[in-house]
Each structure stands twice: as C-alpha cells, then as structure tokens.
N, C-alpha and C. Protein backbone atom coordinates (compact mmCIF):
# COMPACT_ATOMS: atom_id res chain seq x y z
N MET A 1 19.90 132.38 75.67
CA MET A 1 19.73 131.09 75.39
C MET A 1 20.72 130.30 75.89
N ILE A 2 20.57 128.89 75.90
CA ILE A 2 21.64 128.25 76.64
C ILE A 2 22.96 128.20 75.71
N SER A 3 23.05 128.13 74.37
CA SER A 3 23.85 128.21 73.62
C SER A 3 24.75 129.05 73.72
N GLN A 4 24.53 130.36 74.00
CA GLN A 4 25.02 131.69 74.37
C GLN A 4 26.05 131.32 75.74
N ILE A 5 25.85 130.58 76.74
CA ILE A 5 26.58 130.21 77.74
C ILE A 5 27.80 129.42 77.54
N PRO A 6 29.04 130.02 77.77
CA PRO A 6 30.31 129.41 77.08
C PRO A 6 30.30 127.93 77.75
N GLU A 7 29.87 127.70 78.82
CA GLU A 7 30.13 126.39 79.40
C GLU A 7 29.21 125.16 78.94
N CYS A 8 28.34 125.75 78.17
CA CYS A 8 27.29 124.93 77.85
C CYS A 8 27.20 124.67 76.24
N ALA A 9 28.24 125.37 75.56
CA ALA A 9 28.34 125.44 74.26
C ALA A 9 28.54 124.12 73.71
N ASP A 10 29.28 123.35 74.22
CA ASP A 10 29.75 121.70 73.81
C ASP A 10 28.61 120.67 74.29
N ILE A 11 27.94 121.02 74.89
CA ILE A 11 26.76 120.07 75.68
C ILE A 11 25.84 119.90 74.15
N GLU A 12 25.62 118.35 74.10
CA GLU A 12 24.79 118.17 73.09
C GLU A 12 23.30 118.44 73.71
N LYS A 13 22.41 118.85 72.59
CA LYS A 13 21.24 119.60 73.15
C LYS A 13 20.02 118.50 72.42
N PHE A 14 18.73 118.54 72.94
CA PHE A 14 17.83 117.90 72.45
C PHE A 14 16.73 118.47 72.63
N VAL A 15 15.54 118.55 71.96
CA VAL A 15 14.45 119.27 71.92
C VAL A 15 13.43 118.21 72.05
N GLY A 16 12.48 118.42 73.15
CA GLY A 16 11.37 117.60 73.28
C GLY A 16 10.18 118.11 73.28
N LEU A 17 9.19 117.75 72.32
CA LEU A 17 7.85 118.40 72.20
C LEU A 17 6.93 117.52 73.12
N ALA A 18 5.94 118.29 73.76
CA ALA A 18 5.04 117.85 74.38
C ALA A 18 4.04 116.89 73.35
N ALA A 19 3.59 115.79 74.03
CA ALA A 19 2.70 114.74 73.39
C ALA A 19 1.56 114.62 74.25
N PRO A 20 0.14 114.35 73.67
CA PRO A 20 -0.75 114.08 74.48
C PRO A 20 -0.52 112.85 75.61
N GLU A 21 -0.92 113.13 76.84
CA GLU A 21 -1.13 111.99 77.69
C GLU A 21 0.70 111.75 78.16
N ILE A 22 1.40 112.51 78.08
CA ILE A 22 2.76 112.01 78.10
C ILE A 22 3.02 112.00 79.70
N GLU A 23 2.12 112.72 80.62
CA GLU A 23 2.32 112.36 82.07
C GLU A 23 2.15 110.98 82.16
N ALA A 24 0.73 110.49 81.75
CA ALA A 24 0.27 109.31 82.29
C ALA A 24 1.34 108.10 81.67
N TRP A 25 1.86 108.52 80.44
CA TRP A 25 2.86 107.55 79.95
C TRP A 25 4.09 107.38 81.07
N ILE A 26 4.55 108.28 81.46
CA ILE A 26 5.69 108.36 82.46
C ILE A 26 5.16 107.52 83.64
N ILE A 27 4.18 107.88 84.17
CA ILE A 27 3.54 107.17 85.30
C ILE A 27 3.62 105.56 85.01
N ILE A 28 2.99 105.25 83.79
CA ILE A 28 2.97 103.70 83.59
C ILE A 28 4.11 103.23 83.37
N ALA A 29 5.04 103.74 82.74
CA ALA A 29 6.45 103.30 82.28
C ALA A 29 7.39 103.24 83.62
N ASP A 30 7.05 104.10 84.64
CA ASP A 30 7.64 104.05 86.01
C ASP A 30 7.10 103.73 87.04
N TRP A 31 6.19 102.82 86.94
CA TRP A 31 5.15 102.44 87.95
C TRP A 31 5.62 102.25 89.27
N ASN A 32 6.82 101.27 89.27
CA ASN A 32 7.20 100.96 90.74
C ASN A 32 8.07 102.51 91.28
N ASN A 33 8.10 103.41 90.60
CA ASN A 33 8.74 104.54 91.13
C ASN A 33 7.69 105.87 91.12
N SER A 34 6.50 105.44 90.76
CA SER A 34 5.40 106.35 90.83
C SER A 34 3.95 105.98 91.61
N ILE A 35 3.60 105.49 91.14
CA ILE A 35 2.20 104.97 91.80
C ILE A 35 2.60 104.06 92.91
N ALA A 36 3.39 102.89 92.77
CA ALA A 36 3.69 101.99 93.80
C ALA A 36 4.29 102.75 95.02
N LYS A 37 4.89 103.78 94.93
CA LYS A 37 5.69 104.41 96.03
C LYS A 37 4.68 105.31 96.67
N HIS A 38 3.54 106.17 95.98
CA HIS A 38 2.82 107.17 96.29
C HIS A 38 1.84 106.57 97.68
N SER A 39 1.91 107.44 98.62
CA SER A 39 1.36 106.80 100.05
C SER A 39 -0.26 106.43 99.82
N ASP A 40 -0.86 107.24 98.64
CA ASP A 40 -2.24 106.91 98.47
C ASP A 40 -2.50 105.89 97.90
N PHE A 41 -1.54 105.07 97.10
CA PHE A 41 -2.02 103.95 96.27
C PHE A 41 -0.97 102.71 96.79
N ARG A 42 -0.08 102.85 97.74
CA ARG A 42 0.92 101.73 98.24
C ARG A 42 0.03 100.46 98.35
N GLY A 43 -0.94 100.50 98.99
CA GLY A 43 -1.51 99.32 99.38
C GLY A 43 -2.47 98.57 98.03
N ARG A 44 -2.75 99.17 97.14
CA ARG A 44 -3.53 98.66 96.08
C ARG A 44 -3.01 99.13 94.57
N HIS A 45 -1.46 99.38 94.70
CA HIS A 45 -1.36 99.65 93.31
C HIS A 45 -1.20 98.46 92.43
N GLU A 46 -0.87 97.12 92.99
CA GLU A 46 -1.06 95.84 92.13
C GLU A 46 -2.38 95.55 91.76
N ARG A 47 -3.39 95.85 92.43
CA ARG A 47 -4.75 95.65 91.84
C ARG A 47 -4.88 96.74 90.62
N MET A 48 -4.44 97.97 90.88
CA MET A 48 -4.60 99.03 89.89
C MET A 48 -3.84 98.44 88.69
N ARG A 49 -2.79 98.19 88.84
CA ARG A 49 -2.07 97.41 87.36
C ARG A 49 -2.74 96.40 86.90
N TRP A 50 -3.14 95.35 87.67
CA TRP A 50 -3.88 94.16 87.00
C TRP A 50 -4.96 94.71 86.32
N TRP A 51 -5.58 95.65 86.86
CA TRP A 51 -6.98 96.29 86.31
C TRP A 51 -6.58 96.86 84.88
N LEU A 52 -5.60 97.71 84.85
CA LEU A 52 -5.22 98.47 83.69
C LEU A 52 -4.50 97.45 82.77
N SER A 53 -3.94 96.37 82.89
CA SER A 53 -3.69 95.42 82.14
C SER A 53 -4.64 94.70 81.44
N LYS A 54 -5.53 94.04 82.24
CA LYS A 54 -6.78 93.04 81.95
C LYS A 54 -7.92 93.86 81.29
N GLU A 55 -8.30 94.90 81.78
CA GLU A 55 -9.39 95.41 81.56
C GLU A 55 -9.41 96.59 80.41
N LYS A 56 -8.47 97.27 80.61
CA LYS A 56 -7.81 98.37 79.25
C LYS A 56 -6.80 97.95 78.42
N LYS A 57 -6.01 96.86 78.80
CA LYS A 57 -5.29 96.25 78.10
C LYS A 57 -4.07 97.55 77.71
N VAL A 58 -3.72 98.02 78.84
CA VAL A 58 -2.60 99.17 79.00
C VAL A 58 -1.30 98.39 78.63
N PRO A 59 -0.49 98.38 77.88
CA PRO A 59 0.85 97.99 77.61
C PRO A 59 2.07 98.49 78.32
N PHE A 60 2.31 97.96 79.63
CA PHE A 60 3.10 98.93 80.69
C PHE A 60 4.54 98.95 80.07
N ASP A 61 4.97 98.12 79.13
CA ASP A 61 6.30 98.14 78.67
C ASP A 61 6.21 99.18 77.29
N ASN A 62 5.23 99.25 76.79
CA ASN A 62 5.24 100.26 75.76
C ASN A 62 3.78 101.47 75.78
N PRO A 63 3.96 102.12 76.81
CA PRO A 63 2.53 102.66 77.11
C PRO A 63 2.30 103.79 76.06
N GLU A 64 3.20 104.41 75.30
CA GLU A 64 2.86 105.35 74.30
C GLU A 64 1.78 104.75 73.13
N SER A 65 1.77 103.31 73.28
CA SER A 65 0.98 102.74 72.20
C SER A 65 -0.39 102.79 72.58
N PHE A 66 -0.70 102.83 73.82
CA PHE A 66 -2.15 102.81 74.10
C PHE A 66 -3.29 103.84 73.40
N SER A 67 -3.99 103.24 72.91
CA SER A 67 -5.22 104.09 72.18
C SER A 67 -4.86 104.35 70.77
N GLU A 68 -5.45 105.35 70.32
CA GLU A 68 -5.06 105.90 68.88
C GLU A 68 -5.55 107.32 68.72
N TYR A 69 -4.86 108.19 67.91
CA TYR A 69 -5.32 109.51 67.75
C TYR A 69 -6.81 109.41 66.98
N ASP A 70 -7.46 110.24 67.51
CA ASP A 70 -8.73 110.94 66.84
C ASP A 70 -8.57 112.17 66.17
N SER A 71 -8.68 111.85 64.67
CA SER A 71 -8.44 113.32 64.22
C SER A 71 -9.46 114.34 64.24
N LYS A 72 -10.84 113.47 64.21
CA LYS A 72 -12.18 114.42 64.29
C LYS A 72 -12.28 115.23 65.49
N ARG A 73 -11.71 114.57 66.82
CA ARG A 73 -11.76 115.14 68.11
C ARG A 73 -10.61 115.75 68.35
N ASP A 74 -9.48 115.76 67.66
CA ASP A 74 -8.15 116.25 67.69
C ASP A 74 -7.56 115.69 69.37
N CYS A 75 -7.77 114.41 69.46
CA CYS A 75 -7.29 114.07 70.83
C CYS A 75 -7.25 112.43 70.76
N CYS A 76 -6.84 111.57 71.69
CA CYS A 76 -6.99 110.25 71.71
C CYS A 76 -7.94 109.99 72.06
N GLN A 77 -8.52 108.68 71.50
CA GLN A 77 -9.91 107.78 71.40
C GLN A 77 -9.87 107.51 72.87
N GLU A 78 -9.15 107.07 73.49
CA GLU A 78 -8.88 106.64 74.93
C GLU A 78 -8.17 107.13 75.59
N LYS A 79 -8.25 107.98 76.82
CA LYS A 79 -7.23 108.70 77.25
C LYS A 79 -6.59 107.78 78.48
N LEU A 80 -5.43 107.60 78.38
CA LEU A 80 -4.70 106.96 79.45
C LEU A 80 -4.62 107.41 80.56
N SER A 81 -4.77 108.65 81.07
CA SER A 81 -4.91 109.43 82.16
C SER A 81 -6.59 108.98 82.99
N GLN A 82 -7.55 108.76 82.05
CA GLN A 82 -8.84 108.33 82.59
C GLN A 82 -8.67 107.14 82.93
N ALA A 83 -8.08 106.14 82.14
CA ALA A 83 -7.93 104.90 82.55
C ALA A 83 -7.22 104.70 84.03
N LEU A 84 -6.15 105.53 84.23
CA LEU A 84 -5.75 105.64 85.42
C LEU A 84 -6.50 105.95 86.41
N ILE A 85 -7.44 107.07 86.39
CA ILE A 85 -8.16 107.46 87.26
C ILE A 85 -9.19 106.42 87.46
N ASP A 86 -9.62 105.63 86.52
CA ASP A 86 -10.89 104.42 86.60
C ASP A 86 -9.93 103.44 87.28
N SER A 87 -8.93 103.22 87.30
CA SER A 87 -8.05 102.03 87.95
C SER A 87 -8.36 102.31 89.61
N SER A 88 -7.93 103.64 90.01
CA SER A 88 -8.06 104.02 91.34
C SER A 88 -9.19 103.85 92.05
N VAL A 89 -10.52 103.83 91.47
CA VAL A 89 -11.79 103.62 91.81
C VAL A 89 -12.69 102.43 91.18
N GLN A 90 -11.94 101.62 90.71
CA GLN A 90 -12.57 100.47 90.09
C GLN A 90 -13.46 99.53 90.85
N ASP A 91 -13.41 99.59 92.25
CA ASP A 91 -14.27 98.83 92.96
C ASP A 91 -14.92 99.34 94.18
N GLU A 92 -15.82 98.93 94.59
CA GLU A 92 -16.88 99.55 95.71
C GLU A 92 -15.76 99.83 96.93
N VAL A 93 -14.87 99.12 97.36
CA VAL A 93 -13.96 99.30 98.30
C VAL A 93 -13.06 100.44 98.23
N HIS A 94 -12.45 100.56 97.21
CA HIS A 94 -11.68 101.82 96.96
C HIS A 94 -12.42 103.29 96.50
N ARG A 95 -13.70 103.36 96.38
CA ARG A 95 -14.55 104.50 95.68
C ARG A 95 -14.11 105.68 96.70
N ASP A 96 -14.18 105.38 98.07
CA ASP A 96 -14.26 106.36 99.00
C ASP A 96 -12.63 106.83 99.57
N LYS A 97 -11.69 106.17 98.51
CA LYS A 97 -10.19 106.34 98.97
C LYS A 97 -9.61 107.27 97.97
N ALA A 98 -8.41 107.76 97.85
CA ALA A 98 -7.97 108.57 96.99
C ALA A 98 -7.84 107.96 95.69
N ARG A 99 -8.05 109.16 94.64
CA ARG A 99 -8.50 108.66 93.18
C ARG A 99 -7.15 109.33 92.48
N PHE A 100 -6.60 108.68 91.61
CA PHE A 100 -5.45 109.22 90.78
C PHE A 100 -6.15 110.54 90.04
N SER A 101 -5.03 111.37 90.11
CA SER A 101 -5.65 113.01 89.41
C SER A 101 -4.49 113.35 88.69
N LYS A 102 -4.75 114.09 87.56
CA LYS A 102 -3.61 114.43 86.80
C LYS A 102 -2.89 115.70 87.29
N GLY A 103 -3.66 116.18 88.32
CA GLY A 103 -3.13 117.31 88.96
C GLY A 103 -2.21 117.09 90.05
C-alpha cells in the first residue's frame, strides 16, 4: 500500500471511482487537447463539435450531465461515446475516414 511508503505518508490521497462514459467525458471536456489535436480528426473536429452541440445537445462545459441513467438497463439512456462515434461519421464526406473509437 502507498501509505506504507514513508515518503508518501503525508501526501493527501483521493479515491476515484470509475463512472460510465468517463473516457468520453474527458474527451469532451478537453476537446482542444484530445480530438482537435488527433491527426485523424484535425481537419474536421470543428464540424464534429458543432454536430455534437446542435444535434445531440452535448454540454461541452458539463459533459457528465449528458443523458440520464436508465436503471432498467443499468446504463445511460444515451451513450456519449456513441455520440462521439456518430459525430465522426455524420456525413457522406467522412463516412470512409477514421471514426472515433473508444479503443
């Protein structure tokens, strides 16, 4: 354990729990350092962001508020990661180009 290492005893520690879609939240929240800088999306990231904002109503300043939890299915009603995938292939021009993937 980290607390058993003498040099780390006085360091404040936090526990983070995994949340559904957290990878997608991070990508949305840090768009300019993620999608915008990725070579596959550099020339179309503005269109992707516009589409996500207008068509899917993704709140870029508060991505964790996108969609709602569906207790019957035990998942989000709408997946932010799927919206990212859809944004990368949302028109005929980009269907044959790289698509966003959680992988």
